Amino acid sequence: MVTQQEAEKIAAQFMGAPADDAEHGWTMQEFPAGWLVLNRWDEDDPVIGVGSYVVERASGRMLHFPSYLEPDQILADYDYVAGEGSPLEDPLR
């Protein structure tokens, strides 16, 4: 089981910047399956092709979701849409 603090470290590795970075920051929203991660610059006016990310609570795995899956849909029905996510390779390996 991954804690929020561990999820934040995982997200920072994959996103390439800390959450509060002025140019490349991101936000994290907890939900039962883990944490939804969005680029801060993409929150209010999503860019087609960017998508969103999830750090899974059970595994610590980070998945990228295509932009056609709205963040609200991921939050509401994760078990149904989880198969649409692509696992990201650890950038430190």
PDB file of N, CA and C in Angstrom:
ATOM      1  N   MET A   1       0.842  -1.182   0.000  1.00  0.00           N
ATOM      2  CA  MET A   1       0.000   0.000   0.000  1.00  0.00           C
ATOM      3  C   MET A   1       0.889   1.249   0.000  1.00  0.00           C
ATOM      4  N   VAL A   2       0.609   2.138  -0.910  1.00  0.00           N
ATOM      5  CA  VAL A   2       1.382   3.374  -1.067  1.00  0.00           C
ATOM      6  C   VAL A   2       0.727   4.490  -0.256  1.00  0.00           C
ATOM      7  N   THR A   3       1.538   5.264   0.428  1.00  0.00           N
ATOM      8  CA  THR A   3       1.030   6.410   1.174  1.00  0.00           C
ATOM      9  C   THR A   3       0.988   7.632   0.259  1.00  0.00           C
ATOM     10  N   GLN A   4       0.326   8.679   0.701  1.00  0.00           N
ATOM     11  CA  GLN A   4       0.273   9.895  -0.109  1.00  0.00           C
ATOM     12  C   GLN A   4       1.672  10.472  -0.304  1.00  0.00           C
ATOM     13  N   GLN A   5       2.479  10.433   0.728  1.00  0.00           N
ATOM     14  CA  GLN A   5       3.838  10.969   0.616  1.00  0.00           C
ATOM     15  C   GLN A   5       4.638  10.184  -0.433  1.00  0.00           C
ATOM     16  N   GLU A   6       4.493   8.861  -0.436  1.00  0.00           N
ATOM     17  CA  GLU A   6       5.178   8.046  -1.443  1.00  0.00           C
ATOM     18  C   GLU A   6       4.625   8.342  -2.840  1.00  0.00           C
ATOM     19  N   ALA A   7       3.311   8.513  -2.945  1.00  0.00           N
ATOM     20  CA  ALA A   7       2.686   8.827  -4.231  1.00  0.00           C
ATOM     21  C   ALA A   7       3.206  10.160  -4.764  1.00  0.00           C
ATOM     22  N   GLU A   8       3.403  11.137  -3.896  1.00  0.00           N
ATOM     23  CA  GLU A   8       3.938  12.432  -4.320  1.00  0.00           C
ATOM     24  C   GLU A   8       5.351  12.281  -4.867  1.00  0.00           C
ATOM     25  N   LYS A   9       6.173  11.441  -4.245  1.00  0.00           N
ATOM     26  CA  LYS A   9       7.532  11.209  -4.735  1.00  0.00           C
ATOM     27  C   LYS A   9       7.510  10.510  -6.090  1.00  0.00           C
ATOM     28  N   ILE A  10       6.632   9.522  -6.232  1.00  0.00           N
ATOM     29  CA  ILE A  10       6.494   8.812  -7.507  1.00  0.00           C
ATOM     30  C   ILE A  10       6.070   9.788  -8.598  1.00  0.00           C
ATOM     31  N   ALA A  11       5.068  10.605  -8.320  1.00  0.00           N
ATOM     32  CA  ALA A  11       4.588  11.570  -9.307  1.00  0.00           C
ATOM     33  C   ALA A  11       5.683  12.555  -9.686  1.00  0.00           C
ATOM     34  N   ALA A  12       6.435  13.051  -8.721  1.00  0.00           N
ATOM     35  CA  ALA A  12       7.500  14.015  -9.006  1.00  0.00           C
ATOM     36  C   ALA A  12       8.556  13.403  -9.928  1.00  0.00           C
ATOM     37  N   GLN A  13       8.878  12.127  -9.714  1.00  0.00           N
ATOM     38  CA  GLN A  13       9.855  11.450 -10.582  1.00  0.00           C
ATOM     39  C   GLN A  13       9.349  11.408 -12.018  1.00  0.00           C
ATOM     40  N   PHE A  14       8.118  10.983 -12.198  1.00  0.00           N
ATOM     41  CA  PHE A  14       7.572  10.830 -13.538  1.00  0.00           C
ATOM     42  C   PHE A  14       7.270  12.163 -14.203  1.00  0.00           C
ATOM     43  N   MET A  15       6.810  13.131 -13.434  1.00  0.00           N
ATOM     44  CA  MET A  15       6.443  14.425 -14.010  1.00  0.00           C
ATOM     45  C   MET A  15       7.673  15.291 -14.270  1.00  0.00           C
ATOM     46  N   GLY A  16       8.782  14.954 -13.647  1.00  0.00           N
ATOM     47  CA  GLY A  16      10.028  15.667 -13.891  1.00  0.00           C
ATOM     48  C   GLY A  16      10.161  16.990 -13.171  1.00  0.00           C
ATOM     49  N   ALA A  17       9.265  17.247 -12.222  1.00  0.00           N
ATOM     50  CA  ALA A  17       9.298  18.505 -11.471  1.00  0.00           C
ATOM     51  C   ALA A  17       8.479  18.331 -10.196  1.00  0.00           C
ATOM     52  N   PRO A  18       8.769  19.142  -9.184  1.00  0.00           N
ATOM     53  CA  PRO A  18       7.926  19.106  -7.989  1.00  0.00           C
ATOM     54  C   PRO A  18       6.553  19.702  -8.286  1.00  0.00           C
ATOM     55  N   ALA A  19       5.593  19.378  -7.472  1.00  0.00           N
ATOM     56  CA  ALA A  19       4.210  19.832  -7.666  1.00  0.00           C
ATOM     57  C   ALA A  19       4.111  21.350  -7.745  1.00  0.00           C
ATOM     58  N   ASP A  20       4.914  22.055  -6.965  1.00  0.00           N
ATOM     59  CA  ASP A  20       4.797  23.505  -6.897  1.00  0.00           C
ATOM     60  C   ASP A  20       5.688  24.248  -7.905  1.00  0.00           C
ATOM     61  N   ASP A  21       6.284  23.527  -8.851  1.00  0.00           N
ATOM     62  CA  ASP A  21       7.108  24.157  -9.868  1.00  0.00           C
ATOM     63  C   ASP A  21       6.264  25.152 -10.677  1.00  0.00           C
ATOM     64  N   ALA A  22       6.753  26.357 -10.832  1.00  0.00           N
ATOM     65  CA  ALA A  22       5.983  27.425 -11.492  1.00  0.00           C
ATOM     66  C   ALA A  22       5.634  27.100 -12.940  1.00  0.00           C
ATOM     67  N   GLU A  23       6.506  26.422 -13.647  1.00  0.00           N
ATOM     68  CA  GLU A  23       6.267  26.154 -15.068  1.00  0.00           C
ATOM     69  C   GLU A  23       5.751  24.742 -15.337  1.00  0.00           C
ATOM     70  N   HIS A  24       6.243  23.765 -14.580  1.00  0.00           N
ATOM     71  CA  HIS A  24       5.913  22.365 -14.863  1.00  0.00           C
ATOM     72  C   HIS A  24       5.226  21.672 -13.689  1.00  0.00           C
ATOM     73  N   GLY A  25       4.554  22.438 -12.843  1.00  0.00           N
ATOM     74  CA  GLY A  25       3.896  21.882 -11.663  1.00  0.00           C
ATOM     75  C   GLY A  25       2.702  21.008 -12.012  1.00  0.00           C
ATOM     76  N   TRP A  26       2.207  20.322 -11.017  1.00  0.00           N
ATOM     77  CA  TRP A  26       1.087  19.403 -11.193  1.00  0.00           C
ATOM     78  C   TRP A  26       0.275  19.353  -9.912  1.00  0.00           C
ATOM     79  N   THR A  27      -0.925  18.804 -10.019  1.00  0.00           N
ATOM     80  CA  THR A  27      -1.783  18.644  -8.849  1.00  0.00           C
ATOM     81  C   THR A  27      -2.086  17.167  -8.663  1.00  0.00           C
ATOM     82  N   MET A  28      -2.469  16.823  -7.450  1.00  0.00           N
ATOM     83  CA  MET A  28      -2.774  15.449  -7.117  1.00  0.00           C
ATOM     84  C   MET A  28      -4.083  15.420  -6.342  1.00  0.00           C
ATOM     85  N   GLN A  29      -4.987  14.534  -6.749  1.00  0.00           N
ATOM     86  CA  GLN A  29      -6.278  14.391  -6.077  1.00  0.00           C
ATOM     87  C   GLN A  29      -6.455  12.937  -5.665  1.00  0.00           C
ATOM     88  N   GLU A  30      -6.661  12.725  -4.376  1.00  0.00           N
ATOM     89  CA  GLU A  30      -6.836  11.371  -3.860  1.00  0.00           C
ATOM     90  C   GLU A  30      -8.226  10.838  -4.190  1.00  0.00           C
ATOM     91  N   PHE A  31      -8.291   9.552  -4.515  1.00  0.00           N
ATOM     92  CA  PHE A  31      -9.553   8.843  -4.700  1.00  0.00           C
ATOM     93  C   PHE A  31      -9.304   7.399  -4.271  1.00  0.00           C
ATOM     94  N   PRO A  32     -10.334   6.558  -4.149  1.00  0.00           N
ATOM     95  CA  PRO A  32     -10.144   5.233  -3.555  1.00  0.00           C
ATOM     96  C   PRO A  32      -9.027   4.376  -4.164  1.00  0.00           C
ATOM     97  N   ALA A  33      -8.821   4.426  -5.476  1.00  0.00           N
ATOM     98  CA  ALA A  33      -7.805   3.582  -6.111  1.00  0.00           C
ATOM     99  C   ALA A  33      -6.400   4.176  -6.060  1.00  0.00           C
ATOM    100  N   GLY A  34      -6.278   5.455  -5.695  1.00  0.00           N
ATOM    101  CA  GLY A  34      -4.964   6.087  -5.658  1.00  0.00           C
ATOM    102  C   GLY A  34      -5.048   7.586  -5.753  1.00  0.00           C
ATOM    103  N   TRP A  35      -4.230   8.160  -6.651  1.00  0.00           N
ATOM    104  CA  TRP A  35      -4.155   9.610  -6.797  1.00  0.00           C
ATOM    105  C   TRP A  35      -4.157   9.981  -8.273  1.00  0.00           C
ATOM    106  N   LEU A  36      -5.050  10.871  -8.637  1.00  0.00           N
ATOM    107  CA  LEU A  36      -5.108  11.409  -9.990  1.00  0.00           C
ATOM    108  C   LEU A  36      -4.112  12.562 -10.060  1.00  0.00           C
ATOM    109  N   VAL A  37      -3.276  12.567 -11.086  1.00  0.00           N
ATOM    110  CA  VAL A  37      -2.248  13.594 -11.247  1.00  0.00           C
ATOM    111  C   VAL A  37      -2.498  14.318 -12.571  1.00  0.00           C
ATOM    112  N   LEU A  38      -2.564  15.644 -12.495  1.00  0.00           N
ATOM    113  CA  LEU A  38      -2.787  16.475 -13.680  1.00  0.00           C
ATOM    114  C   LEU A  38      -1.716  17.546 -13.767  1.00  0.00           C
ATOM    115  N   ASN A  39      -1.262  17.821 -14.980  1.00  0.00           N
ATOM    116  CA  ASN A  39      -0.371  18.964 -15.180  1.00  0.00           C
ATOM    117  C   ASN A  39      -1.133  20.220 -14.796  1.00  0.00           C
ATOM    118  N   ARG A  40      -0.531  21.073 -14.015  1.00  0.00           N
ATOM    119  CA  ARG A  40      -1.205  22.301 -13.576  1.00  0.00           C
ATOM    120  C   ARG A  40      -1.605  23.168 -14.767  1.00  0.00           C
ATOM    121  N   TRP A  41      -0.760  23.263 -15.769  1.00  0.00           N
ATOM    122  CA  TRP A  41      -1.057  24.094 -16.936  1.00  0.00           C
ATOM    123  C   TRP A  41      -2.181  23.527 -17.792  1.00  0.00           C
ATOM    124  N   ASP A  42      -2.548  22.265 -17.566  1.00  0.00           N
ATOM    125  CA  ASP A  42      -3.563  21.604 -18.386  1.00  0.00           C
ATOM    126  C   ASP A  42      -4.912  21.485 -17.675  1.00  0.00           C
ATOM    127  N   GLU A  43      -5.008  21.943 -16.445  1.00  0.00           N
ATOM    128  CA  GLU A  43      -6.215  21.743 -15.637  1.00  0.00           C
ATOM    129  C   GLU A  43      -7.452  22.472 -16.162  1.00  0.00           C
ATOM    130  N   ASP A  44      -7.334  23.742 -16.410  1.00  0.00           N
ATOM    131  CA  ASP A  44      -8.507  24.540 -16.761  1.00  0.00           C
ATOM    132  C   ASP A  44      -8.907  24.439 -18.229  1.00  0.00           C
ATOM    133  N   ASP A  45      -7.946  24.209 -19.099  1.00  0.00           N
ATOM    134  CA  ASP A  45      -8.206  24.127 -20.526  1.00  0.00           C
ATOM    135  C   ASP A  45      -7.398  22.962 -21.092  1.00  0.00           C
ATOM    136  N   PRO A  46      -7.892  21.724 -20.904  1.00  0.00           N
ATOM    137  CA  PRO A  46      -7.115  20.543 -21.302  1.00  0.00           C
ATOM    138  C   PRO A  46      -6.701  20.561 -22.768  1.00  0.00           C
ATOM    139  N   VAL A  47      -5.478  20.139 -22.997  1.00  0.00           N
ATOM    140  CA  VAL A  47      -4.913  20.068 -24.331  1.00  0.00           C
ATOM    141  C   VAL A  47      -5.128  18.649 -24.863  1.00  0.00           C
ATOM    142  N   ILE A  48      -5.666  18.527 -26.047  1.00  0.00           N
ATOM    143  CA  ILE A  48      -5.877  17.210 -26.641  1.00  0.00           C
ATOM    144  C   ILE A  48      -4.530  16.500 -26.768  1.00  0.00           C
ATOM    145  N   GLY A  49      -4.495  15.272 -26.321  1.00  0.00           N
ATOM    146  CA  GLY A  49      -3.285  14.468 -26.423  1.00  0.00           C
ATOM    147  C   GLY A  49      -2.452  14.410 -25.160  1.00  0.00           C
ATOM    148  N   VAL A  50      -2.693  15.311 -24.214  1.00  0.00           N
ATOM    149  CA  VAL A  50      -1.883  15.328 -22.997  1.00  0.00           C
ATOM    150  C   VAL A  50      -2.312  14.224 -22.046  1.00  0.00           C
ATOM    151  N   GLY A  51      -3.585  14.145 -21.733  1.00  0.00           N
ATOM    152  CA  GLY A  51      -4.090  13.112 -20.837  1.00  0.00           C
ATOM    153  C   GLY A  51      -3.812  13.394 -19.383  1.00  0.00           C
ATOM    154  N   SER A  52      -4.029  12.364 -18.579  1.00  0.00           N
ATOM    155  CA  SER A  52      -3.823  12.486 -17.137  1.00  0.00           C
ATOM    156  C   SER A  52      -3.125  11.227 -16.634  1.00  0.00           C
ATOM    157  N   TYR A  53      -2.827  11.226 -15.354  1.00  0.00           N
ATOM    158  CA  TYR A  53      -2.034  10.149 -14.764  1.00  0.00           C
ATOM    159  C   TYR A  53      -2.684   9.676 -13.466  1.00  0.00           C
ATOM    160  N   VAL A  54      -2.379   8.447 -13.094  1.00  0.00           N
ATOM    161  CA  VAL A  54      -2.818   7.904 -11.813  1.00  0.00           C
ATOM    162  C   VAL A  54      -1.647   7.174 -11.170  1.00  0.00           C
ATOM    163  N   VAL A  55      -1.423   7.440  -9.884  1.00  0.00           N
ATOM    164  CA  VAL A  55      -0.526   6.624  -9.069  1.00  0.00           C
ATOM    165  C   VAL A  55      -1.438   5.664  -8.318  1.00  0.00           C
ATOM    166  N   GLU A  56      -1.305   4.384  -8.592  1.00  0.00           N
ATOM    167  CA  GLU A  56      -2.172   3.393  -7.956  1.00  0.00           C
ATOM    168  C   GLU A  56      -1.772   3.156  -6.508  1.00  0.00           C
ATOM    169  N   ARG A  57      -2.763   3.163  -5.648  1.00  0.00           N
ATOM    170  CA  ARG A  57      -2.541   2.976  -4.215  1.00  0.00           C
ATOM    171  C   ARG A  57      -1.965   1.587  -3.906  1.00  0.00           C
ATOM    172  N   ALA A  58      -2.481   0.558  -4.547  1.00  0.00           N
ATOM    173  CA  ALA A  58      -2.087  -0.809  -4.234  1.00  0.00           C
ATOM    174  C   ALA A  58      -0.674  -1.150  -4.684  1.00  0.00           C
ATOM    175  N   SER A  59      -0.262  -0.621  -5.845  1.00  0.00           N
ATOM    176  CA  SER A  59       1.012  -1.042  -6.428  1.00  0.00           C
ATOM    177  C   SER A  59       2.083   0.047  -6.491  1.00  0.00           C
ATOM    178  N   GLY A  60       1.679   1.317  -6.458  1.00  0.00           N
ATOM    179  CA  GLY A  60       2.626   2.412  -6.659  1.00  0.00           C
ATOM    180  C   GLY A  60       2.932   2.633  -8.129  1.00  0.00           C
ATOM    181  N   ARG A  61       2.288   1.881  -8.983  1.00  0.00           N
ATOM    182  CA  ARG A  61       2.489   2.011 -10.424  1.00  0.00           C
ATOM    183  C   ARG A  61       1.847   3.313 -10.903  1.00  0.00           C
ATOM    184  N   MET A  62       2.506   3.982 -11.852  1.00  0.00           N
ATOM    185  CA  MET A  62       1.946   5.206 -12.423  1.00  0.00           C
ATOM    186  C   MET A  62       1.497   4.900 -13.836  1.00  0.00           C
ATOM    187  N   LEU A  63       0.244   5.257 -14.122  1.00  0.00           N
ATOM    188  CA  LEU A  63      -0.351   5.019 -15.430  1.00  0.00           C
ATOM    189  C   LEU A  63      -0.657   6.340 -16.119  1.00  0.00           C
ATOM    190  N   HIS A  64      -0.505   6.364 -17.429  1.00  0.00           N
ATOM    191  CA  HIS A  64      -0.901   7.517 -18.233  1.00  0.00           C
ATOM    192  C   HIS A  64      -2.209   7.165 -18.918  1.00  0.00           C
ATOM    193  N   PHE A  65      -3.175   8.073 -18.849  1.00  0.00           N
ATOM    194  CA  PHE A  65      -4.475   7.886 -19.480  1.00  0.00           C
ATOM    195  C   PHE A  65      -4.627   8.854 -20.636  1.00  0.00           C
ATOM    196  N   PRO A  66      -5.165   8.382 -21.763  1.00  0.00           N
ATOM    197  CA  PRO A  66      -5.345   9.260 -22.920  1.00  0.00           C
ATOM    198  C   PRO A  66      -6.336  10.380 -22.631  1.00  0.00           C
ATOM    199  N   SER A  67      -6.222  11.443 -23.395  1.00  0.00           N
ATOM    200  CA  SER A  67      -7.042  12.631 -23.154  1.00  0.00           C
ATOM    201  C   SER A  67      -8.526  12.405 -23.410  1.00  0.00           C
ATOM    202  N   TYR A  68      -8.897  11.358 -24.151  1.00  0.00           N
ATOM    203  CA  TYR A  68     -10.333  11.131 -24.366  1.00  0.00           C
ATOM    204  C   TYR A  68     -11.029  10.631 -23.101  1.00  0.00           C
ATOM    205  N   LEU A  69     -10.266  10.220 -22.096  1.00  0.00           N
ATOM    206  CA  LEU A  69     -10.851   9.857 -20.802  1.00  0.00           C
ATOM    207  C   LEU A  69     -10.774  11.072 -19.886  1.00  0.00           C
ATOM    208  N   GLU A  70     -11.915  11.638 -19.604  1.00  0.00           N
ATOM    209  CA  GLU A  70     -11.979  12.808 -18.725  1.00  0.00           C
ATOM    210  C   GLU A  70     -11.526  12.432 -17.308  1.00  0.00           C
ATOM    211  N   PRO A  71     -10.835  13.318 -16.615  1.00  0.00           N
ATOM    212  CA  PRO A  71     -10.440  13.034 -15.234  1.00  0.00           C
ATOM    213  C   PRO A  71     -11.624  12.626 -14.352  1.00  0.00           C
ATOM    214  N   ASP A  72     -12.788  13.255 -14.546  1.00  0.00           N
ATOM    215  CA  ASP A  72     -13.959  12.893 -13.749  1.00  0.00           C
ATOM    216  C   ASP A  72     -14.379  11.446 -13.981  1.00  0.00           C
ATOM    217  N   GLN A  73     -14.224  10.972 -15.200  1.00  0.00           N
ATOM    218  CA  GLN A  73     -14.562   9.580 -15.509  1.00  0.00           C
ATOM    219  C   GLN A  73     -13.581   8.629 -14.828  1.00  0.00           C
ATOM    220  N   ILE A  74     -12.317   8.980 -14.806  1.00  0.00           N
ATOM    221  CA  ILE A  74     -11.310   8.163 -14.134  1.00  0.00           C
ATOM    222  C   ILE A  74     -11.626   8.080 -12.645  1.00  0.00           C
ATOM    223  N   LEU A  75     -11.952   9.202 -12.045  1.00  0.00           N
ATOM    224  CA  LEU A  75     -12.274   9.233 -10.619  1.00  0.00           C
ATOM    225  C   LEU A  75     -13.532   8.432 -10.293  1.00  0.00           C
ATOM    226  N   ALA A  76     -14.533   8.533 -11.137  1.00  0.00           N
ATOM    227  CA  ALA A  76     -15.825   7.911 -10.856  1.00  0.00           C
ATOM    228  C   ALA A  76     -15.851   6.412 -11.127  1.00  0.00           C
ATOM    229  N   ASP A  77     -15.089   5.950 -12.111  1.00  0.00           N
ATOM    230  CA  ASP A  77     -15.208   4.545 -12.510  1.00  0.00           C
ATOM    231  C   ASP A  77     -13.842   3.956 -12.850  1.00  0.00           C
ATOM    232  N   TYR A  78     -12.908   4.085 -11.928  1.00  0.00           N
ATOM    233  CA  TYR A  78     -11.534   3.656 -12.190  1.00  0.00           C
ATOM    234  C   TYR A  78     -11.433   2.188 -12.579  1.00  0.00           C
ATOM    235  N   ASP A  79     -12.137   1.313 -11.879  1.00  0.00           N
ATOM    236  CA  ASP A  79     -12.047  -0.118 -12.187  1.00  0.00           C
ATOM    237  C   ASP A  79     -12.411  -0.393 -13.643  1.00  0.00           C
ATOM    238  N   TYR A  80     -13.355   0.343 -14.177  1.00  0.00           N
ATOM    239  CA  TYR A  80     -13.799   0.161 -15.556  1.00  0.00           C
ATOM    240  C   TYR A  80     -12.783   0.700 -16.568  1.00  0.00           C
ATOM    241  N   VAL A  81     -12.158   1.837 -16.272  1.00  0.00           N
ATOM    242  CA  VAL A  81     -11.261   2.486 -17.242  1.00  0.00           C
ATOM    243  C   VAL A  81      -9.781   2.171 -17.012  1.00  0.00           C
ATOM    244  N   ALA A  82      -9.438   1.477 -15.948  1.00  0.00           N
ATOM    245  CA  ALA A  82      -8.026   1.225 -15.625  1.00  0.00           C
ATOM    246  C   ALA A  82      -7.273   0.564 -16.774  1.00  0.00           C
ATOM    247  N   GLY A  83      -7.937  -0.299 -17.527  1.00  0.00           N
ATOM    248  CA  GLY A  83      -7.294  -0.971 -18.643  1.00  0.00           C
ATOM    249  C   GLY A  83      -6.891  -0.048 -19.780  1.00  0.00           C
ATOM    250  N   GLU A  84      -7.427   1.173 -19.787  1.00  0.00           N
ATOM    251  CA  GLU A  84      -7.070   2.158 -20.819  1.00  0.00           C
ATOM    252  C   GLU A  84      -5.749   2.861 -20.497  1.00  0.00           C
ATOM    253  N   GLY A  85      -5.287   2.716 -19.243  1.00  0.00           N
ATOM    254  CA  GLY A  85      -4.055   3.369 -18.831  1.00  0.00           C
ATOM    255  C   GLY A  85      -2.827   2.589 -19.268  1.00  0.00           C
ATOM    256  N   SER A  86      -1.781   3.304 -19.598  1.00  0.00           N
ATOM    257  CA  SER A  86      -0.506   2.690 -19.987  1.00  0.00           C
ATOM    258  C   SER A  86       0.497   2.880 -18.865  1.00  0.00           C
ATOM    259  N   PRO A  87       1.071   1.783 -18.351  1.00  0.00           N
ATOM    260  CA  PRO A  87       2.077   1.922 -17.289  1.00  0.00           C
ATOM    261  C   PRO A  87       3.296   2.703 -17.799  1.00  0.00           C
ATOM    262  N   LEU A  88       3.796   3.577 -16.964  1.00  0.00           N
ATOM    263  CA  LEU A  88       4.992   4.341 -17.302  1.00  0.00           C
ATOM    264  C   LEU A  88       6.198   3.637 -16.708  1.00  0.00           C
ATOM    265  N   GLU A  89       7.289   3.671 -17.423  1.00  0.00           N
ATOM    266  CA  GLU A  89       8.528   3.061 -16.948  1.00  0.00           C
ATOM    267  C   GLU A  89       9.210   4.020 -15.994  1.00  0.00           C
ATOM    268  N   ASP A  90       9.738   3.491 -14.900  1.00  0.00           N
ATOM    269  CA  ASP A  90      10.395   4.309 -13.884  1.00  0.00           C
ATOM    270  C   ASP A  90      11.552   5.079 -14.536  1.00  0.00           C
ATOM    271  N   PRO A  91      11.523   6.419 -14.455  1.00  0.00           N
ATOM    272  CA  PRO A  91      12.567   7.219 -15.106  1.00  0.00           C
ATOM    273  C   PRO A  91      13.942   7.066 -14.456  1.00  0.00           C
ATOM    274  N   LEU A  92      14.008   6.485 -13.273  1.00  0.00           N
ATOM    275  CA  LEU A  92      15.297   6.320 -12.589  1.00  0.00           C
ATOM    276  C   LEU A  92      15.967   4.988 -12.902  1.00  0.00           C
ATOM    277  N   ARG A  93      15.331   4.170 -13.728  1.00  0.00           N
ATOM    278  CA  ARG A  93      15.925   2.874 -14.080  1.00  0.00           C
ATOM    279  C   ARG A  93      16.662   2.958 -15.378  1.00  0.00           C
TER     280      ARG A  93
END
